[in-house]
Amino acid sequence: MKHLLLFLMISLSSFTAVTQEINTDKLYYEALEEYQSGNFKKSLVLTTTALTAAPEYHDIRVLQIRNKFALQLLEETNVDLEFLLNRAPHYEGVKSLTVQRLRQMESQTALLFADHLLEIYNEDAEINIIKARLLLQLSKSEEARTLATKIFQQSALNDGQRYALHQIINLTVKNAVQVTGQYISFSDDYPRNDPWYVVSTEYQHNFSNMALIGRLTYSDRSYNDGTLYEIEAYPIFSEKLYAFGNVGFPDGSVFPEFRASASAFYNFAPSFEAEIGFRSLTNDSNTHFIGIGGLTTYTGKFYLNARAFIGPEQFEKLVQNYQFNIRYYLSTPENYLFGRVGSGISPDDPTLYTQAQENPALDAWYINTGINKSIGIHHVISISGGMLYEDLANDKKGQQLFASLGYRYKF
């Protein structure tokens, strides 16, 4: 008799558990349907009821967190998230929810939470990138740079992560000074073939959301010389949108009377960047506009960029420049090989662009290659060389060889 009673009790207990499981499943699907219909409050009531009966039902807890996010009950999600991080951190949806919560927190609190998550998710790249941004927001630029550089050296990064790290590392430098020297030689086909010498110096300061640059460029063309003074700015509006602006004033007749430039850059999909903008040049009180369009992508260790400069119309001929730029990153964003090929002369090269204005109907082709190399934390050296072929007014072909050496100090 005792054995019969024991059997009945066990059977009843099993039946109740099965019934409860079925009811909990039913509550979950009802809650999911309400959530998908946008009835977040009703869905939250159902998930709360279900978790009372089955606290280990992770799908229900994940849904409950999503409901609280939708209802902006952000602080209330912390207990649920901690429960999942302790019991099932690798369960589907848990990591994405914790990263979403991390992005919602204030900087100092978020930094502590990021460290907690990194202990669980084994130095995850996505969380580390968020941490680097937080360090930057808290004015811990050196720590942000060290972390971002360490992450960049990982091989298992997607293109969007590499793009994000580029932005972070660029913003970690508060000040930089740079000196660049350029030498340009001309073939005997040029009427004036003495070499040109160009020296430029610049100072850059990075604010929290903008980089500001002052630049002085001196050009000695043997028969003439001049100096160009420029102010350049890169305001950052969001993680996806930033801009570029430049104004330049000359001393002497080598450069245009006035230069103005502007471009907007938008990141999408997630490692592509689109550019649209203009350049404006004034000579002899006549102002010419140049339209610009460009597309950039980061794929693996490569940076690929295509740009087009269209205009102005000179002597019934439209001045055009098309270029393709490539970089191959060796370790960090400041260590890379680079190259450029194109046709025409870019208005962003103030030293050579006067030739395009003087002879807009003549074709030009060029190639340039070099290396950018950091030495320690503060020093960067850039070496490049190339050649340009162009039609000359005397029905000849001219050839130019150019080489440049640059040194940059960051502090």
Protein backbone atom coordinates (compact mmCIF):
# COMPACT_ATOMS: atom_id res chain seq x y z
CA MET A 1 0.00 0.00 0.00
CA LYS A 2 2.83 2.35 0.87
CA HIS A 3 4.46 1.66 -2.48
CA LEU A 4 1.18 2.43 -4.26
CA LEU A 5 0.79 5.77 -2.44
CA LEU A 6 4.40 6.70 -3.23
CA PHE A 7 3.84 5.87 -6.90
CA LEU A 8 0.69 8.01 -7.02
CA MET A 9 2.47 10.97 -5.38
CA ILE A 10 5.39 10.80 -7.84
CA SER A 11 3.01 10.52 -10.79
CA LEU A 12 0.96 13.49 -9.57
CA SER A 13 4.12 15.56 -9.09
CA SER A 14 5.34 14.70 -12.59
CA PHE A 15 1.94 15.51 -14.10
CA THR A 16 1.90 18.89 -12.31
CA ALA A 17 5.43 19.70 -13.56
CA VAL A 18 4.54 18.79 -17.14
CA THR A 19 1.34 20.82 -16.92
CA GLN A 20 3.32 23.76 -15.51
CA GLU A 21 5.88 23.49 -18.35
CA ILE A 22 3.14 23.45 -20.95
CA ASN A 23 1.47 26.46 -19.33
CA THR A 24 4.79 28.32 -19.20
CA ASP A 25 5.39 27.62 -22.87
CA LYS A 26 1.92 28.94 -23.61
CA LEU A 27 2.62 32.11 -21.64
CA TYR A 28 5.89 32.58 -23.51
CA TYR A 29 4.27 32.37 -26.95
CA GLU A 30 1.45 34.67 -25.86
CA ALA A 31 4.00 37.16 -24.55
CA LEU A 32 6.03 36.88 -27.77
CA GLU A 33 2.93 37.57 -29.86
CA GLU A 34 2.09 40.64 -27.77
CA TYR A 35 5.69 41.87 -28.09
CA GLN A 36 5.68 41.47 -31.87
CA SER A 37 2.39 43.40 -31.98
CA GLY A 38 3.91 46.27 -30.00
CA ASN A 39 1.90 45.58 -26.82
CA PHE A 40 4.96 45.71 -24.58
CA LYS A 41 3.09 46.24 -21.28
CA LYS A 42 0.86 43.20 -21.83
CA SER A 43 3.87 41.16 -22.87
CA LEU A 44 5.76 42.25 -19.75
CA VAL A 45 2.91 41.12 -17.48
CA LEU A 46 2.98 37.69 -19.13
CA THR A 47 6.77 37.30 -18.93
CA THR A 48 6.76 38.34 -15.26
CA THR A 49 4.08 35.74 -14.49
CA ALA A 50 5.95 33.05 -16.42
CA LEU A 51 9.28 33.74 -14.70
CA THR A 52 7.63 33.37 -11.30
CA ALA A 53 6.86 29.77 -12.26
CA ALA A 54 10.02 29.10 -14.32
CA PRO A 55 12.92 31.43 -13.39
CA GLU A 56 15.37 29.36 -15.45
CA TYR A 57 13.34 29.75 -18.67
CA HIS A 58 15.94 31.90 -20.46
CA ASP A 59 13.88 32.71 -23.56
CA ILE A 60 11.25 34.31 -21.34
CA ARG A 61 13.84 36.36 -19.45
CA VAL A 62 15.39 37.53 -22.72
CA LEU A 63 11.94 38.59 -23.90
CA GLN A 64 11.31 40.35 -20.59
CA ILE A 65 14.50 42.40 -21.05
CA ARG A 66 13.41 43.36 -24.57
CA ASN A 67 10.06 44.51 -23.18
CA LYS A 68 11.78 46.66 -20.56
CA PHE A 69 14.06 48.17 -23.20
CA ALA A 70 11.01 49.04 -25.30
CA LEU A 71 9.30 50.62 -22.27
CA GLN A 72 12.51 52.51 -21.30
CA LEU A 73 12.64 50.67 -17.96
CA LEU A 74 16.41 50.51 -18.34
CA GLU A 75 17.47 50.24 -14.71
CA GLU A 76 15.05 47.36 -14.19
CA THR A 77 16.88 45.27 -16.77
CA ASN A 78 20.06 45.11 -14.67
CA VAL A 79 18.86 42.29 -12.39
CA ASP A 80 17.66 40.20 -15.34
CA LEU A 81 20.88 40.73 -17.24
CA GLU A 82 23.01 39.80 -14.24
CA PHE A 83 20.93 36.64 -13.77
CA LEU A 84 21.64 35.60 -17.37
CA LEU A 85 25.31 36.58 -17.18
CA ASN A 86 25.71 34.34 -14.14
CA ARG A 87 23.67 31.38 -15.44
CA ALA A 88 23.87 31.46 -19.24
CA PRO A 89 26.16 34.21 -20.64
CA HIS A 90 26.46 32.47 -24.03
CA TYR A 91 22.76 31.81 -24.48
CA GLU A 92 21.35 33.22 -27.72
CA GLY A 93 20.64 36.94 -27.45
CA VAL A 94 22.28 37.48 -24.05
CA LYS A 95 25.50 39.11 -25.26
CA SER A 96 23.72 41.46 -27.70
CA LEU A 97 21.39 42.60 -24.90
CA THR A 98 24.27 43.29 -22.52
CA VAL A 99 26.09 45.28 -25.21
CA GLN A 100 22.89 47.24 -25.85
CA ARG A 101 22.63 48.01 -22.13
CA LEU A 102 26.30 48.97 -22.04
CA ARG A 103 25.73 51.60 -24.75
CA GLN A 104 22.88 53.11 -22.68
CA MET A 105 24.92 53.72 -19.53
CA GLU A 106 26.77 56.84 -18.44
CA SER A 107 30.51 56.79 -19.14
CA GLN A 108 31.91 55.91 -15.70
CA THR A 109 29.24 53.29 -14.93
CA ALA A 110 29.57 51.88 -18.43
CA LEU A 111 33.33 51.53 -18.04
CA LEU A 112 32.89 49.36 -14.92
CA PHE A 113 30.23 47.28 -16.67
CA ALA A 114 32.49 46.86 -19.71
CA ASP A 115 35.27 45.47 -17.51
CA HIS A 116 32.76 43.06 -15.98
CA LEU A 117 31.64 41.89 -19.43
CA LEU A 118 35.22 41.46 -20.66
CA GLU A 119 35.85 39.02 -17.80
CA ILE A 120 32.90 36.97 -19.02
CA TYR A 121 33.37 37.29 -22.79
CA ASN A 122 37.14 36.82 -22.88
CA GLU A 123 38.37 40.20 -24.20
CA ASP A 124 35.67 40.44 -26.87
CA ALA A 125 36.61 42.93 -29.64
CA GLU A 126 33.20 44.64 -29.81
CA ILE A 127 33.12 45.30 -26.07
CA ASN A 128 36.74 46.45 -26.08
CA ILE A 129 35.96 48.97 -28.84
CA ILE A 130 33.13 50.38 -26.72
CA LYS A 131 35.51 50.54 -23.77
CA ALA A 132 38.07 52.46 -25.85
CA ARG A 133 35.39 55.00 -26.79
CA LEU A 134 34.43 55.35 -23.13
CA LEU A 135 38.05 55.97 -22.15
CA LEU A 136 38.21 58.66 -24.82
CA GLN A 137 35.04 60.30 -23.44
CA LEU A 138 36.58 60.29 -19.97
CA SER A 139 39.71 62.08 -21.32
CA LYS A 140 41.88 58.99 -20.84
CA SER A 141 43.37 59.31 -24.31
CA GLU A 142 46.57 57.36 -23.67
CA GLU A 143 44.65 54.38 -22.26
CA ALA A 144 42.18 54.54 -25.15
CA ARG A 145 45.00 54.59 -27.70
CA THR A 146 46.83 51.66 -26.08
CA LEU A 147 43.66 49.57 -25.98
CA ALA A 148 42.57 50.46 -29.53
CA THR A 149 46.04 49.67 -30.90
CA LYS A 150 46.04 46.31 -29.10
CA ILE A 151 42.63 45.42 -30.55
CA PHE A 152 43.65 46.52 -34.05
CA GLN A 153 46.47 43.99 -34.05
CA GLN A 154 43.97 41.14 -33.71
CA SER A 155 43.39 39.25 -36.95
CA ALA A 156 39.75 38.32 -36.30
CA LEU A 157 38.22 41.77 -36.83
CA ASN A 158 35.46 42.62 -39.24
CA ASP A 159 35.65 45.64 -41.53
CA GLY A 160 33.31 47.73 -39.39
CA GLN A 161 35.45 47.15 -36.30
CA ARG A 162 38.61 48.18 -38.16
CA TYR A 163 36.86 51.37 -39.32
CA ALA A 164 35.80 52.18 -35.74
CA LEU A 165 39.33 51.65 -34.44
CA HIS A 166 40.71 54.02 -37.09
CA GLN A 167 38.45 56.77 -35.79
CA ILE A 168 39.29 56.12 -32.14
CA ILE A 169 43.06 56.07 -32.65
CA ASN A 170 42.96 59.28 -34.69
CA LEU A 171 41.09 61.02 -31.88
CA THR A 172 43.45 59.89 -29.12
CA VAL A 173 46.19 62.27 -30.24
CA LYS A 174 45.63 65.69 -28.70
CA ASN A 175 48.47 67.52 -30.45
CA ALA A 176 50.74 66.85 -33.41
CA VAL A 177 53.32 68.80 -35.41
CA GLN A 178 54.48 67.74 -38.85
CA VAL A 179 57.17 68.81 -41.31
CA THR A 180 57.17 67.60 -44.92
CA GLY A 181 59.66 68.23 -47.68
CA GLN A 182 58.97 67.55 -51.36
CA TYR A 183 61.27 67.56 -54.39
CA ILE A 184 59.91 67.72 -57.97
CA SER A 185 62.10 67.34 -61.05
CA PHE A 186 61.09 67.98 -64.69
CA SER A 187 62.20 66.38 -67.95
CA ASP A 188 63.95 68.42 -70.63
CA ASP A 189 60.68 68.76 -72.57
CA TYR A 190 59.47 71.48 -70.17
CA PRO A 191 60.27 75.09 -71.15
CA ARG A 192 61.35 75.64 -67.55
CA ASN A 193 62.78 72.47 -66.12
CA ASP A 194 64.54 73.57 -62.97
CA PRO A 195 63.37 71.52 -59.97
CA TRP A 196 60.77 72.69 -57.50
CA TYR A 197 61.13 72.49 -53.75
CA VAL A 198 58.22 72.45 -51.33
CA VAL A 199 58.30 72.56 -47.54
CA SER A 200 55.22 72.49 -45.35
CA THR A 201 54.76 72.63 -41.59
CA GLU A 202 51.56 72.07 -39.67
CA TYR A 203 50.17 71.93 -36.17
CA GLN A 204 47.11 69.86 -35.24
CA HIS A 205 45.01 69.95 -32.08
CA ASN A 206 42.19 67.51 -31.44
CA PHE A 207 39.23 68.69 -29.42
CA SER A 208 36.62 66.22 -28.18
CA ASN A 209 34.62 66.42 -31.43
CA MET A 210 36.88 68.24 -33.87
CA ALA A 211 40.42 68.26 -35.20
CA LEU A 212 41.84 71.71 -36.06
CA ILE A 213 44.94 72.15 -38.24
CA GLY A 214 47.05 75.17 -39.13
CA ARG A 215 49.42 74.70 -42.09
CA LEU A 216 52.10 76.77 -43.85
CA THR A 217 53.39 75.65 -47.27
CA TYR A 218 56.35 77.27 -49.02
CA SER A 219 57.04 76.51 -52.70
CA ASP A 220 60.23 77.49 -54.53
CA ARG A 221 59.87 77.13 -58.30
CA SER A 222 63.29 78.62 -59.10
CA TYR A 223 61.69 81.37 -61.20
CA ASN A 224 59.06 82.22 -58.61
CA ASP A 225 58.12 81.35 -55.04
CA GLY A 226 55.24 81.78 -52.64
CA THR A 227 53.67 80.74 -49.36
CA LEU A 228 50.22 79.34 -48.66
CA TYR A 229 48.58 79.71 -45.23
CA GLU A 230 45.76 77.26 -44.46
CA ILE A 231 43.32 76.50 -41.66
CA GLU A 232 41.65 73.09 -41.74
CA ALA A 233 38.95 71.52 -39.56
CA TYR A 234 37.41 68.05 -39.20
CA PRO A 235 34.23 68.35 -37.07
CA ILE A 236 32.72 65.03 -35.93
CA PHE A 237 28.92 65.01 -35.63
CA SER A 238 28.39 61.33 -34.79
CA GLU A 239 29.99 57.90 -35.16
CA LYS A 240 28.76 57.87 -38.77
CA LEU A 241 29.05 61.50 -39.90
CA TYR A 242 31.96 63.93 -39.98
CA ALA A 243 33.07 66.79 -42.23
CA PHE A 244 36.12 68.59 -43.60
CA GLY A 245 36.63 72.31 -44.17
CA ASN A 246 39.63 74.31 -45.37
CA VAL A 247 40.49 77.90 -46.26
CA GLY A 248 43.80 79.07 -47.71
CA PHE A 249 45.41 82.48 -48.30
CA PRO A 250 48.63 82.96 -50.31
CA ASP A 251 51.60 85.25 -50.06
CA GLY A 252 52.94 85.57 -53.62
CA SER A 253 51.60 84.51 -57.02
CA VAL A 254 52.42 80.79 -56.92
CA PHE A 255 49.15 79.76 -55.28
CA PRO A 256 45.54 80.82 -55.98
CA GLU A 257 44.37 84.09 -54.46
CA PHE A 258 41.96 82.17 -52.23
CA ARG A 259 41.14 78.50 -51.59
CA ALA A 260 38.07 77.08 -49.88
CA SER A 261 37.14 73.43 -49.49
CA ALA A 262 34.41 71.41 -47.80
CA SER A 263 33.33 67.76 -47.77
CA ALA A 264 30.93 65.61 -45.78
CA PHE A 265 31.70 61.97 -45.01
CA TYR A 266 29.09 59.38 -44.06
CA ASN A 267 29.79 55.85 -42.85
CA PHE A 268 27.35 53.09 -43.85
CA ALA A 269 26.94 49.33 -44.32
CA PRO A 270 29.10 49.27 -41.96
CA SER A 271 32.61 49.71 -43.41
CA PHE A 272 31.82 52.01 -46.35
CA GLU A 273 32.28 55.76 -46.33
CA ALA A 274 30.81 58.15 -48.89
CA GLU A 275 32.14 61.65 -49.58
CA ILE A 276 30.49 64.60 -51.28
CA GLY A 277 31.88 68.12 -51.39
CA PHE A 278 33.49 70.93 -53.37
CA ARG A 279 36.68 72.92 -53.80
CA SER A 280 36.70 76.63 -54.65
CA LEU A 281 39.68 78.45 -56.19
CA THR A 282 40.00 82.16 -56.93
CA ASN A 283 42.48 83.47 -59.51
CA ASP A 284 42.53 86.95 -61.05
CA SER A 285 39.25 87.65 -59.17
CA ASN A 286 37.58 84.70 -60.96
CA THR A 287 36.23 81.94 -58.74
CA HIS A 288 36.06 78.34 -59.98
CA PHE A 289 34.19 75.48 -58.32
CA ILE A 290 35.13 71.80 -58.38
CA GLY A 291 32.65 69.09 -57.41
CA ILE A 292 33.88 66.03 -55.49
CA GLY A 293 32.50 62.55 -54.98
CA GLY A 294 34.22 59.62 -53.31
CA LEU A 295 33.72 56.14 -51.89
CA THR A 296 35.91 54.36 -49.34
CA THR A 297 35.82 50.87 -47.89
CA TYR A 298 37.85 49.02 -45.28
CA THR A 299 38.16 45.35 -46.15
CA GLY A 300 40.48 43.19 -44.10
CA LYS A 301 43.80 45.01 -43.85
CA PHE A 302 43.07 47.12 -46.93
CA TYR A 303 41.79 50.67 -47.26
CA LEU A 304 40.37 51.29 -50.75
CA ASN A 305 39.27 54.71 -51.96
CA ALA A 306 38.04 56.11 -55.28
CA ARG A 307 37.53 59.85 -55.83
CA ALA A 308 36.51 62.11 -58.68
CA PHE A 309 37.10 65.88 -59.02
CA ILE A 310 35.01 67.49 -61.75
CA GLY A 311 35.46 71.11 -62.87
CA PRO A 312 36.00 73.91 -63.40
CA GLU A 313 35.49 74.59 -67.10
CA GLN A 314 38.53 76.32 -68.52
CA PHE A 315 38.81 77.40 -72.15
CA GLU A 316 35.68 75.33 -72.94
CA LYS A 317 37.34 72.24 -71.44
CA LEU A 318 36.20 70.59 -68.21
CA VAL A 319 39.08 69.93 -65.83
CA GLN A 320 38.83 66.39 -64.43
CA ASN A 321 40.79 64.29 -61.97
CA TYR A 322 40.11 60.64 -61.12
CA GLN A 323 42.14 58.78 -58.55
CA PHE A 324 42.31 55.45 -56.78
CA ASN A 325 44.02 55.18 -53.39
CA ILE A 326 45.03 52.05 -51.53
CA ARG A 327 46.59 51.29 -48.17
CA TYR A 328 47.74 48.01 -46.70
CA TYR A 329 47.96 48.11 -42.92
CA LEU A 330 50.95 46.30 -41.46
CA SER A 331 50.03 46.42 -37.76
CA THR A 332 48.38 49.62 -36.54
CA PRO A 333 46.53 52.40 -38.43
CA GLU A 334 49.78 54.38 -38.57
CA ASN A 335 51.86 51.59 -40.13
CA TYR A 336 50.90 51.00 -43.73
CA LEU A 337 52.03 50.87 -47.33
CA PHE A 338 50.14 53.20 -49.65
CA GLY A 339 49.72 53.93 -53.32
CA ARG A 340 47.79 56.18 -55.69
CA VAL A 341 47.10 56.06 -59.41
CA GLY A 342 45.04 58.52 -61.36
CA SER A 343 44.48 60.81 -64.29
CA GLY A 344 44.48 64.59 -64.18
CA ILE A 345 45.86 66.61 -61.27
CA SER A 346 44.02 66.84 -57.97
CA PRO A 347 43.00 70.29 -56.66
CA ASP A 348 44.02 68.98 -53.23
CA ASP A 349 47.63 69.26 -54.44
CA PRO A 350 48.08 73.04 -54.43
CA THR A 351 51.67 72.79 -55.67
CA LEU A 352 50.91 70.99 -58.95
CA TYR A 353 47.29 71.99 -59.59
CA THR A 354 48.24 75.30 -61.23
CA GLN A 355 49.43 73.24 -64.22
CA ALA A 356 45.90 71.83 -64.66
CA GLN A 357 44.44 75.34 -64.57
CA GLU A 358 46.91 76.60 -67.15
CA ASN A 359 46.45 73.61 -69.51
CA PRO A 360 43.00 72.09 -68.83
CA ALA A 361 42.82 70.36 -72.23
CA LEU A 362 46.03 68.43 -71.68
CA ASP A 363 45.98 64.92 -70.24
CA ALA A 364 47.99 63.79 -67.25
CA TRP A 365 48.57 60.41 -65.56
CA TYR A 366 50.41 59.73 -62.34
CA ILE A 367 51.43 57.06 -59.85
CA ASN A 368 52.68 57.44 -56.31
CA THR A 369 53.67 54.93 -53.62
CA GLY A 370 55.25 54.96 -50.19
CA ILE A 371 55.23 53.87 -46.58
CA ASN A 372 53.95 55.40 -43.35
CA LYS A 373 55.78 54.08 -40.28
CA SER A 374 55.40 54.85 -36.57
CA ILE A 375 58.43 54.72 -34.30
CA GLY A 376 57.33 54.31 -30.71
CA ILE A 377 54.29 56.21 -29.52
CA HIS A 378 55.19 59.76 -30.57
CA HIS A 379 57.01 59.57 -33.92
CA VAL A 380 55.74 58.87 -37.44
CA ILE A 381 57.83 58.96 -40.64
CA SER A 382 56.37 58.97 -44.16
CA ILE A 383 58.40 58.37 -47.34
CA SER A 384 56.93 58.42 -50.85
CA GLY A 385 57.88 58.79 -54.48
CA GLY A 386 56.25 58.75 -57.89
CA MET A 387 56.01 60.15 -61.36
CA LEU A 388 53.59 62.14 -63.50
CA TYR A 389 53.27 62.13 -67.29
CA GLU A 390 51.42 64.94 -69.01
CA ASP A 391 50.82 66.48 -72.40
CA LEU A 392 52.61 69.77 -72.96
CA ALA A 393 51.51 72.76 -75.00
CA ASN A 394 54.36 72.19 -77.50
CA ASP A 395 52.92 68.77 -78.51
CA LYS A 396 55.47 66.98 -76.38
CA LYS A 397 55.18 64.64 -73.44
CA GLY A 398 56.55 65.84 -70.13
CA GLN A 399 57.64 63.73 -67.22
CA GLN A 400 57.91 64.74 -63.57
CA LEU A 401 59.52 62.78 -60.77
CA PHE A 402 58.71 63.63 -57.18
CA ALA A 403 59.78 62.44 -53.78
CA SER A 404 58.72 63.46 -50.31
CA LEU A 405 59.79 62.88 -46.73
CA GLY A 406 57.61 63.70 -43.74
CA TYR A 407 58.06 63.59 -39.99
CA ARG A 408 55.20 63.81 -37.49
CA TYR A 409 55.47 64.19 -33.70
CA LYS A 410 52.41 63.44 -31.59
CA PHE A 411 51.95 64.54 -28.01
